[in-house]
Protein backbone atom coordinates (compact mmCIF):
# COMPACT_ATOMS: atom_id res chain seq x y z
CA MET A 1 40.92 -3.08 36.03
CA THR A 2 37.34 -2.00 36.81
CA LEU A 3 35.07 0.51 35.11
CA ALA A 4 35.72 2.99 37.90
CA HIS A 5 39.38 3.17 36.81
CA ILE A 6 38.31 4.06 33.27
CA ALA A 7 35.36 6.38 33.80
CA ALA A 8 37.24 9.19 35.61
CA THR A 9 35.28 12.48 35.33
CA PRO A 10 36.65 14.91 37.95
CA THR A 11 36.74 18.70 37.44
CA SER A 12 39.88 19.81 35.57
CA PRO A 13 42.49 21.32 37.96
CA VAL A 14 43.36 23.95 35.32
CA LEU A 15 39.73 25.04 34.99
CA LEU A 16 39.34 25.16 38.78
CA ALA A 17 42.46 27.31 39.18
CA GLY A 18 41.21 29.68 36.47
CA LEU A 19 37.83 30.11 38.15
CA VAL A 20 39.44 30.81 41.54
CA THR A 21 41.73 33.43 39.97
CA LEU A 22 38.77 35.08 38.22
CA CYS A 23 36.81 35.26 41.48
CA VAL A 24 39.77 36.83 43.32
CA VAL A 25 40.19 39.47 40.57
CA GLU A 26 36.45 40.25 40.57
CA VAL A 27 36.28 40.70 44.35
CA GLY A 28 39.42 42.83 44.27
CA LEU A 29 38.00 45.13 41.58
CA LEU A 30 34.72 45.52 43.51
CA ALA A 31 36.59 46.41 46.71
CA TRP A 32 38.79 48.90 44.85
CA ALA A 33 35.77 50.58 43.22
CA LEU A 34 33.85 50.86 46.51
CA VAL A 35 36.83 52.26 48.45
CA ASP A 36 37.59 54.78 45.67
CA LEU A 37 33.92 55.80 45.48
CA TYR A 38 33.84 56.36 49.25
CA ARG A 39 36.98 58.53 49.31
CA ARG A 40 36.39 60.53 46.13
CA PRO A 41 34.39 63.80 46.42
CA SER A 42 31.08 63.93 44.51
CA SER A 43 32.46 66.69 42.32
CA GLN A 44 35.04 64.23 40.93
CA VAL A 45 32.41 61.58 40.06
CA SER A 46 30.74 61.60 36.63
CA GLY A 47 27.22 63.02 37.02
CA GLY A 48 28.03 64.48 40.43
CA HIS A 49 26.28 61.71 42.40
CA LYS A 50 27.86 58.64 44.05
CA VAL A 51 24.67 56.63 44.72
CA PRO A 52 23.95 55.56 41.10
CA TRP A 53 27.51 54.28 40.75
CA LEU A 54 27.29 52.44 44.08
CA ILE A 55 24.05 50.76 42.97
CA LEU A 56 25.59 49.82 39.62
CA CYS A 57 28.68 48.23 41.21
CA VAL A 58 26.65 46.16 43.66
CA LEU A 59 23.88 45.29 41.17
CA LEU A 60 26.28 43.84 38.60
CA GLN A 61 27.67 41.52 41.30
CA ILE A 62 24.15 40.31 42.15
CA VAL A 63 22.77 39.79 38.63
CA GLY A 64 24.73 36.59 37.87
CA PRO A 65 23.85 34.70 41.08
CA VAL A 66 20.18 35.79 40.82
CA ILE A 67 19.91 34.54 37.23
CA TYR A 68 21.46 31.23 38.26
CA LEU A 69 19.18 30.77 41.28
CA VAL A 70 16.06 31.61 39.25
CA ALA A 71 16.78 29.89 35.93
CA GLY A 72 19.97 27.86 36.24
CA ARG A 73 18.84 25.15 38.63
CA GLU A 74 16.92 22.09 37.46
CA ARG A 75 14.24 20.32 39.44
CA PRO A 76 15.47 17.82 42.06
CA ALA A 77 16.61 14.47 40.69
CA THR A 78 14.15 12.67 42.98
CA ALA A 79 11.20 13.96 40.97
CA ARG A 80 12.70 12.69 37.73
CA ALA A 81 13.63 9.40 39.32
CA GLY A 82 10.07 8.93 40.49
CA ARG A 83 8.77 9.17 36.92
CA LEU A 84 11.55 7.08 35.44
CA HIS A 85 11.12 4.23 37.89
CA ALA A 86 7.35 4.40 38.41
CA ASP A 87 6.85 0.77 37.40
CA VAL A 88 9.95 -0.89 38.86
CA PRO A 89 9.57 -3.78 41.29
CA ALA A 90 9.47 -3.02 45.00
CA PRO A 91 12.67 -3.71 46.96
CA ARG A 92 12.82 -7.34 48.08
CA PRO A 93 13.23 -8.14 51.79
CA VAL A 94 16.59 -9.83 52.39
CA GLY A 95 18.18 -11.83 55.17
CA ARG A 96 20.45 -8.95 56.22
CA PRO A 97 18.39 -5.90 57.27
CA ASP A 98 21.60 -3.85 57.49
CA ALA A 99 22.29 -4.56 53.79
CA ALA A 100 18.83 -3.38 52.77
CA ALA A 101 19.16 -0.23 54.90
CA ALA A 102 22.63 0.49 53.47
CA ALA A 103 21.30 0.08 49.91
CA ASP A 104 18.51 2.55 50.70
CA ARG A 105 21.01 5.12 52.01
CA LEU A 106 23.37 4.66 49.07
CA PHE A 107 20.72 5.27 46.43
CA ALA A 108 18.93 7.96 48.44
CA ALA A 109 22.23 9.86 48.36
CA SER A 110 22.29 9.50 44.57
CA ALA A 111 18.77 10.87 44.24
CA GLY A 112 19.37 13.77 46.60
CA GLY A 113 22.77 14.89 45.39
CA ALA A 114 24.69 15.13 42.15
CA ASP A 115 23.18 12.35 40.15
CA PRO A 116 25.48 11.27 37.31
CA GLY A 117 22.51 9.85 35.48
CA ALA A 118 20.21 12.86 35.89
CA SER A 119 20.26 13.75 32.20
CA VAL A 120 19.28 10.25 31.12
CA SER A 121 15.95 9.88 29.35
CA PRO A 122 14.06 6.64 29.75
CA SER A 123 14.04 4.33 26.77
CA PRO A 124 10.79 4.40 24.75
CA SER A 125 10.25 0.77 25.78
CA GLY A 126 10.99 1.47 29.46
CA ALA A 127 13.99 -0.89 29.36
CA ALA A 128 17.34 -0.27 31.04
CA ILE A 129 19.09 -2.42 28.40
CA GLU A 130 17.99 -3.16 24.84
CA LEU A 131 19.99 -5.40 22.51
CA ARG A 132 18.76 -6.12 18.99
CA ASP A 133 20.54 -8.44 16.54
CA VAL A 134 23.93 -7.83 18.18
CA ARG A 135 26.83 -9.65 16.55
CA LYS A 136 30.47 -9.96 17.59
CA ALA A 137 33.24 -12.16 16.26
CA PHE A 138 36.89 -12.62 17.19
CA LYS A 139 39.15 -13.73 14.34
CA GLY A 140 36.35 -15.65 12.69
CA ALA A 141 34.99 -17.18 15.92
CA VAL A 142 31.42 -15.97 16.50
CA ALA A 143 30.84 -14.87 20.11
CA LEU A 144 27.42 -13.24 19.67
CA ASP A 145 25.12 -14.28 16.84
CA GLY A 146 22.11 -11.97 16.61
CA LEU A 147 21.67 -11.46 20.36
CA THR A 148 18.35 -9.81 21.25
CA LEU A 149 17.03 -9.10 24.75
CA SER A 150 15.38 -6.42 26.92
CA VAL A 151 16.07 -5.75 30.61
CA PRO A 152 13.35 -3.93 32.64
CA HIS A 153 14.32 -0.99 34.87
CA GLY A 154 14.82 -1.92 38.51
CA SER A 155 14.95 -5.68 37.94
CA VAL A 156 17.58 -8.25 38.89
CA TYR A 157 18.10 -9.88 35.52
CA GLY A 158 19.82 -13.25 35.32
CA PHE A 159 21.99 -13.80 32.25
CA LEU A 160 22.46 -17.55 32.29
CA GLY A 161 24.53 -19.77 30.04
CA PRO A 162 27.31 -22.34 29.89
CA ASN A 163 30.95 -21.28 29.72
CA GLY A 164 31.76 -19.85 26.29
CA ALA A 165 28.15 -18.85 25.53
CA GLY A 166 29.06 -15.14 25.11
CA LYS A 167 28.15 -13.73 28.53
CA THR A 168 31.40 -11.84 29.21
CA THR A 169 31.50 -10.44 25.67
CA THR A 170 27.97 -9.07 26.17
CA LEU A 171 28.89 -7.41 29.47
CA ARG A 172 32.00 -5.82 27.99
CA ILE A 173 29.92 -4.33 25.16
CA LEU A 174 27.36 -2.97 27.64
CA ALA A 175 30.14 -1.46 29.77
CA GLY A 176 31.68 0.29 26.75
CA LEU A 177 34.86 -1.81 26.89
CA ALA A 178 34.19 -3.46 23.52
CA ARG A 179 32.15 -2.62 20.42
CA ALA A 180 29.62 -4.79 18.66
CA ASP A 181 30.28 -5.60 14.99
CA ALA A 182 26.59 -5.11 14.16
CA GLY A 183 23.21 -4.54 15.82
CA THR A 184 21.72 -2.02 18.24
CA VAL A 185 22.96 -1.57 21.83
CA ARG A 186 20.97 0.84 24.01
CA VAL A 187 21.87 1.38 27.66
CA LEU A 188 19.70 3.66 29.82
CA GLY A 189 18.15 5.20 26.73
CA ARG A 190 21.46 5.92 24.99
CA ASP A 191 22.68 4.27 21.81
CA VAL A 192 26.08 2.91 22.81
CA GLY A 193 26.70 1.77 19.23
CA ASP A 194 26.77 5.43 18.13
CA GLY A 195 29.51 6.25 20.63
CA ALA A 196 27.41 7.47 23.59
CA ASP A 197 29.45 7.18 26.79
CA VAL A 198 27.35 5.74 29.63
CA ARG A 199 30.22 4.57 31.81
CA SER A 200 29.57 7.21 34.50
CA LEU A 201 26.05 5.76 34.88
CA VAL A 202 27.16 2.13 35.11
CA GLY A 203 28.81 0.05 37.81
CA TYR A 204 30.84 -2.93 36.55
CA LEU A 205 32.39 -5.93 38.27
CA PRO A 206 34.44 -8.12 35.88
CA ASP A 207 34.74 -11.87 36.34
CA VAL A 208 38.28 -11.52 37.74
CA PRO A 209 38.49 -8.11 39.45
CA ALA A 210 41.89 -6.59 40.18
CA PHE A 211 42.72 -4.67 43.35
CA TYR A 212 45.64 -2.74 44.83
CA ARG A 213 46.77 -5.24 47.45
CA TRP A 214 48.45 -2.63 49.66
CA MET A 215 45.24 -0.59 50.12
CA THR A 216 42.60 -1.07 52.80
CA ALA A 217 38.96 -1.40 51.77
CA PRO A 218 38.09 2.24 52.72
CA GLU A 219 41.14 3.53 50.82
CA TYR A 220 40.17 1.56 47.72
CA LEU A 221 36.57 2.81 47.80
CA ARG A 222 37.74 6.42 48.27
CA PHE A 223 39.98 5.97 45.25
CA ALA A 224 37.13 4.49 43.18
CA GLY A 225 34.76 7.27 44.25
CA SER A 226 37.26 10.00 43.39
CA LEU A 227 37.39 8.71 39.83
CA PHE A 228 33.69 9.58 39.56
CA GLY A 229 34.24 13.10 40.88
CA LEU A 230 33.12 12.37 44.46
CA SER A 231 34.89 14.05 47.37
CA GLY A 232 34.52 15.41 50.90
CA GLU A 233 31.79 14.34 53.29
CA GLY A 234 29.66 12.97 50.46
CA LEU A 235 32.37 10.51 49.50
CA GLU A 236 33.05 9.53 53.12
CA ASP A 237 29.35 8.83 53.68
CA ARG A 238 29.24 6.67 50.57
CA VAL A 239 32.36 4.76 51.59
CA ALA A 240 30.90 4.00 55.04
CA THR A 241 27.56 2.94 53.53
CA ALA A 242 29.16 0.73 50.85
CA LEU A 243 31.34 -0.96 53.48
CA THR A 244 28.25 -1.71 55.56
CA LEU A 245 26.48 -3.11 52.51
CA ALA A 246 29.50 -5.32 51.81
CA GLY A 247 29.84 -6.43 55.44
CA LEU A 248 33.37 -4.99 55.61
CA SER A 249 32.83 -1.99 57.90
CA THR A 250 34.94 -3.47 60.72
CA THR A 251 37.66 -4.99 58.52
CA ARG A 252 41.08 -3.35 58.87
CA THR A 253 43.11 -5.92 56.92
CA ARG A 254 44.75 -4.79 53.70
CA ILE A 255 43.15 -6.16 50.53
CA GLY A 256 46.10 -8.48 49.97
CA GLY A 257 44.92 -10.46 53.00
CA PHE A 258 41.28 -10.72 51.92
CA SER A 259 39.56 -14.01 51.09
CA ARG A 260 38.06 -14.39 47.62
CA GLY A 261 34.59 -13.80 49.01
CA MET A 262 35.67 -10.57 50.71
CA LYS A 263 37.25 -9.37 47.45
CA GLN A 264 34.04 -10.09 45.53
CA ARG A 265 32.00 -8.13 48.06
CA LEU A 266 34.48 -5.26 47.87
CA GLY A 267 34.23 -5.43 44.08
CA VAL A 268 30.46 -5.06 44.23
CA ALA A 269 30.86 -2.16 46.68
CA GLN A 270 33.24 -0.28 44.36
CA ALA A 271 30.81 -0.80 41.47
CA LEU A 272 28.06 0.81 43.60
CA ILE A 273 30.09 3.68 45.09
CA HIS A 274 28.62 6.32 42.73
CA GLY A 275 25.03 5.03 42.89
CA PRO A 276 24.86 3.73 39.30
CA ARG A 277 21.64 3.38 37.32
CA LEU A 278 22.84 -0.01 36.05
CA LEU A 279 25.03 -2.62 37.76
CA LEU A 280 26.81 -5.21 35.59
CA LEU A 281 28.06 -8.30 37.45
CA ASP A 282 30.09 -10.92 35.57
CA GLU A 283 30.06 -14.28 37.40
CA PRO A 284 30.21 -12.64 40.89
CA THR A 285 29.78 -15.93 42.79
CA SER A 286 32.02 -18.24 40.78
CA ALA A 287 34.65 -20.14 42.82
CA LEU A 288 33.16 -18.94 46.14
CA ASP A 289 32.38 -21.19 49.07
CA PRO A 290 28.73 -21.42 50.24
CA ILE A 291 29.13 -18.65 52.83
CA GLY A 292 30.84 -16.35 50.33
CA ARG A 293 28.10 -17.00 47.76
CA ARG A 294 25.40 -16.26 50.33
CA ASP A 295 27.01 -12.94 51.29
CA VAL A 296 27.35 -11.78 47.67
CA LEU A 297 23.80 -12.88 46.83
CA ASP A 298 22.45 -11.00 49.86
CA MET A 299 24.10 -7.85 48.48
CA VAL A 300 22.57 -8.42 45.04
CA ALA A 301 19.11 -9.18 46.46
CA SER A 302 19.14 -5.94 48.47
CA LEU A 303 19.47 -3.90 45.25
CA ARG A 304 16.23 -5.01 43.58
CA GLY A 305 14.01 -1.98 42.90
CA ARG A 306 16.85 0.41 43.78
CA THR A 307 18.90 -0.04 40.61
CA THR A 308 18.94 -2.39 37.63
CA VAL A 309 21.20 -5.44 38.06
CA PHE A 310 22.41 -7.47 35.07
CA PHE A 311 23.74 -10.65 36.66
CA SER A 312 25.79 -13.05 34.53
CA THR A 313 26.31 -16.58 35.83
CA HIS A 314 26.30 -20.28 35.01
CA ILE A 315 25.11 -21.24 38.52
CA LEU A 316 21.40 -22.00 38.28
CA ALA A 317 20.70 -21.92 42.02
CA ASP A 318 21.98 -18.33 42.25
CA VAL A 319 19.61 -17.18 39.51
CA GLU A 320 16.65 -18.85 41.21
CA ARG A 321 17.55 -17.20 44.51
CA VAL A 322 17.89 -13.53 43.50
CA CYS A 323 16.64 -12.94 39.93
CA ASP A 324 13.11 -12.12 38.80
CA THR A 325 13.81 -12.42 35.06
CA VAL A 326 16.21 -14.69 33.21
CA ALA A 327 17.61 -15.06 29.70
CA ILE A 328 19.30 -18.35 28.79
CA LEU A 329 22.16 -17.88 26.34
CA ASP A 330 23.78 -20.55 24.18
CA ARG A 331 26.31 -20.10 21.38
CA GLY A 332 25.74 -16.33 21.24
CA ARG A 333 21.94 -16.47 21.03
CA VAL A 334 19.12 -16.17 23.55
CA VAL A 335 17.35 -19.52 23.74
CA THR A 336 14.58 -18.13 25.95
CA GLU A 337 13.79 -15.04 28.03
CA SER A 338 11.14 -15.07 30.75
CA GLY A 339 10.29 -14.59 34.40
CA ILE A 340 11.67 -17.35 36.64
CA ASP A 341 8.27 -18.67 37.71
CA ALA A 342 6.74 -18.39 34.24
CA LEU A 343 9.71 -20.22 32.75
CA ARG A 344 9.33 -23.12 35.17
CA ARG A 345 5.55 -23.30 34.69
CA SER A 346 5.19 -22.93 30.97
CA ARG A 347 8.35 -24.18 29.31
CA GLY A 348 6.61 -25.71 26.27
CA GLY A 349 4.04 -27.39 28.54
CA ILE A 350 6.73 -29.67 29.95
CA SER A 351 5.98 -31.33 33.29
CA ARG A 352 7.69 -33.95 35.39
CA LEU A 353 5.77 -36.82 36.92
CA SER A 354 6.93 -38.84 39.90
CA ILE A 355 5.57 -42.41 39.92
CA GLU A 356 6.34 -45.00 42.58
CA VAL A 357 5.55 -48.63 41.69
CA ASP A 358 6.80 -52.03 42.77
CA ASP A 359 8.66 -52.64 39.46
CA PRO A 360 9.78 -49.31 37.90
CA GLY A 361 11.93 -51.11 35.30
CA ARG A 362 8.89 -52.75 33.62
CA LEU A 363 7.00 -49.45 33.63
CA ARG A 364 9.96 -47.62 32.10
CA GLU A 365 10.15 -50.15 29.24
CA ALA A 366 6.41 -49.84 28.62
CA LEU A 367 6.62 -46.03 28.42
CA ALA A 368 9.33 -46.09 25.73
CA GLY A 369 6.88 -45.66 22.84
CA ALA A 370 4.41 -43.23 24.42
CA PRO A 371 4.15 -40.05 22.24
CA TRP A 372 3.84 -37.70 25.24
CA VAL A 373 7.00 -38.99 27.00
CA ARG A 374 10.16 -36.94 26.53
CA SER A 375 12.42 -38.81 28.92
CA THR A 376 12.41 -41.21 31.86
CA GLN A 377 14.83 -41.41 34.75
CA ALA A 378 15.14 -43.78 37.68
CA GLY A 379 14.74 -42.05 41.03
CA GLU A 380 15.27 -43.19 44.60
CA GLY A 381 13.27 -45.89 46.38
CA GLY A 382 11.56 -47.36 43.32
CA THR A 383 10.49 -43.96 41.97
CA LEU A 384 10.37 -43.30 38.21
CA LEU A 385 10.69 -39.68 37.00
CA VAL A 386 8.88 -39.07 33.70
CA THR A 387 9.28 -35.80 31.79
CA CYS A 388 6.31 -35.28 29.47
CA ASP A 389 4.89 -32.58 27.20
CA ASP A 390 1.20 -33.49 27.70
CA VAL A 391 0.42 -33.84 31.39
CA ASP A 392 -3.30 -34.43 30.79
CA ALA A 393 -2.59 -37.45 28.57
CA ALA A 394 -0.08 -38.73 31.12
CA GLN A 395 -2.56 -38.46 33.97
CA ARG A 396 -5.13 -40.42 31.95
CA GLU A 397 -2.90 -43.11 30.49
CA LEU A 398 -0.31 -43.81 33.18
CA PRO A 399 -2.65 -45.28 35.81
CA ALA A 400 -4.28 -47.42 33.11
CA LEU A 401 -0.88 -48.64 31.94
CA VAL A 402 0.13 -49.49 35.51
CA GLY A 403 -3.10 -51.50 35.87
CA ARG A 404 -2.54 -53.43 32.62
CA LEU A 405 0.97 -54.34 33.77
CA GLY A 406 -0.40 -55.58 37.09
CA LEU A 407 1.81 -53.21 39.09
CA ALA A 408 1.04 -51.69 42.46
CA LEU A 409 0.74 -47.87 42.20
CA ARG A 410 2.07 -46.40 45.44
CA ARG A 411 2.55 -42.75 44.47
CA PHE A 412 1.67 -40.56 41.48
CA ALA A 413 2.40 -36.81 41.58
CA VAL A 414 3.22 -33.89 39.28
CA ASP A 415 6.51 -32.30 40.38
CA GLU A 416 7.41 -28.69 39.60
CA LEU A 417 10.37 -28.35 37.26
CA ASP A 418 13.29 -26.44 38.73
CA LEU A 419 15.48 -24.12 36.68
CA GLU A 420 18.10 -26.81 36.17
CA ASP A 421 15.55 -29.05 34.45
CA VAL A 422 14.51 -26.20 32.15
CA PHE A 423 18.11 -25.24 31.44
CA VAL A 424 19.20 -28.77 30.51
CA ASP A 425 16.08 -29.36 28.43
CA LEU A 426 16.52 -26.13 26.48
CA LEU A 427 20.18 -26.69 25.73
CA ASP A 428 19.69 -30.36 24.86
CA GLY A 429 16.91 -29.41 22.48
CA ASP A 430 19.01 -26.67 20.89
CA HIS A 431 21.98 -28.93 20.17
CA PRO A 432 21.78 -31.52 17.39
């Protein structure tokens, strides 16, 4: 069951029927009064003149629409959106130009039409998500233990952690499907902990999405859109655009015959059907083959700068490919939160050296007591990989050590740490 199934906000049929009835009665009364005024002699009209009564009948019908047109309409949502997202990152070029164009159309429709998030005020900090000291336990088992993080508007934010770290619990709290035991949860400027309902502003894809197998993809997206009050040509345009974004515009197979990758792409499309201000994705690429992962990641990459994406995963390569900011979660707490590049560059000053000598075993033994060495690992072709926390000391002392040992130094380079190195180092350091 997705958030679209829960966040139904269509106009009440009873209210709509009442308004139609009232309009019919009003038009009927106006017609009756005008016909009677035309047929009745002036001598039988109060005051002896028909014109004032004619003006009064017509004027009262005009007053309401005029007041609405002058004072009842707010400024276009695009102006507000421009101020709200003034500092968001620019959209990132992606491998599928059609996906980027479809994302533009989908969110342009949100800005130009009925925007479900139009009444949202930006958070004082400019963040789409703010969590402070959030705690959640299930029957004594702590899932979140003082979780604190901040997600910038318009970013693709990677929420990275091993299985059981608390990622799904966090997403369910953000989506309004669970409540935190303690702490502050603000989504799009609203305090969810105080009962504010932001589900109409949020798109959500759970880790195991459920679909109606007998539906086609267009039928399912129409159904999802109708739950957000969309209808008519506007809904049809959104369905066509979302199918293009998902790469399913030519697919006529019923959902029961879809591959897992096709279902994941359809799940992302249904989460985007109403042009949400925030998209929550829980492990969208897990258990997909390489082609399926690429397709889903292309969809996610095309959304940067158009909406805020909170992307939960335990696959490090996916985070490096599409995210600009990452938080690493372990045992319900954020171990670190940073930009991808900054995290790789400045993780505690840690660097990795690649040294190629004729006897790497002797060099590895000699490095065992060096204070700046964190770990050593044998590489390929006589290469020794040394992780250190003082690269300057390593660059001074390693060549001298190689000379004292009488070894031949064939290669000495500083390698950039990838996200996997940082991830393993952080979690190893956090565990006793």
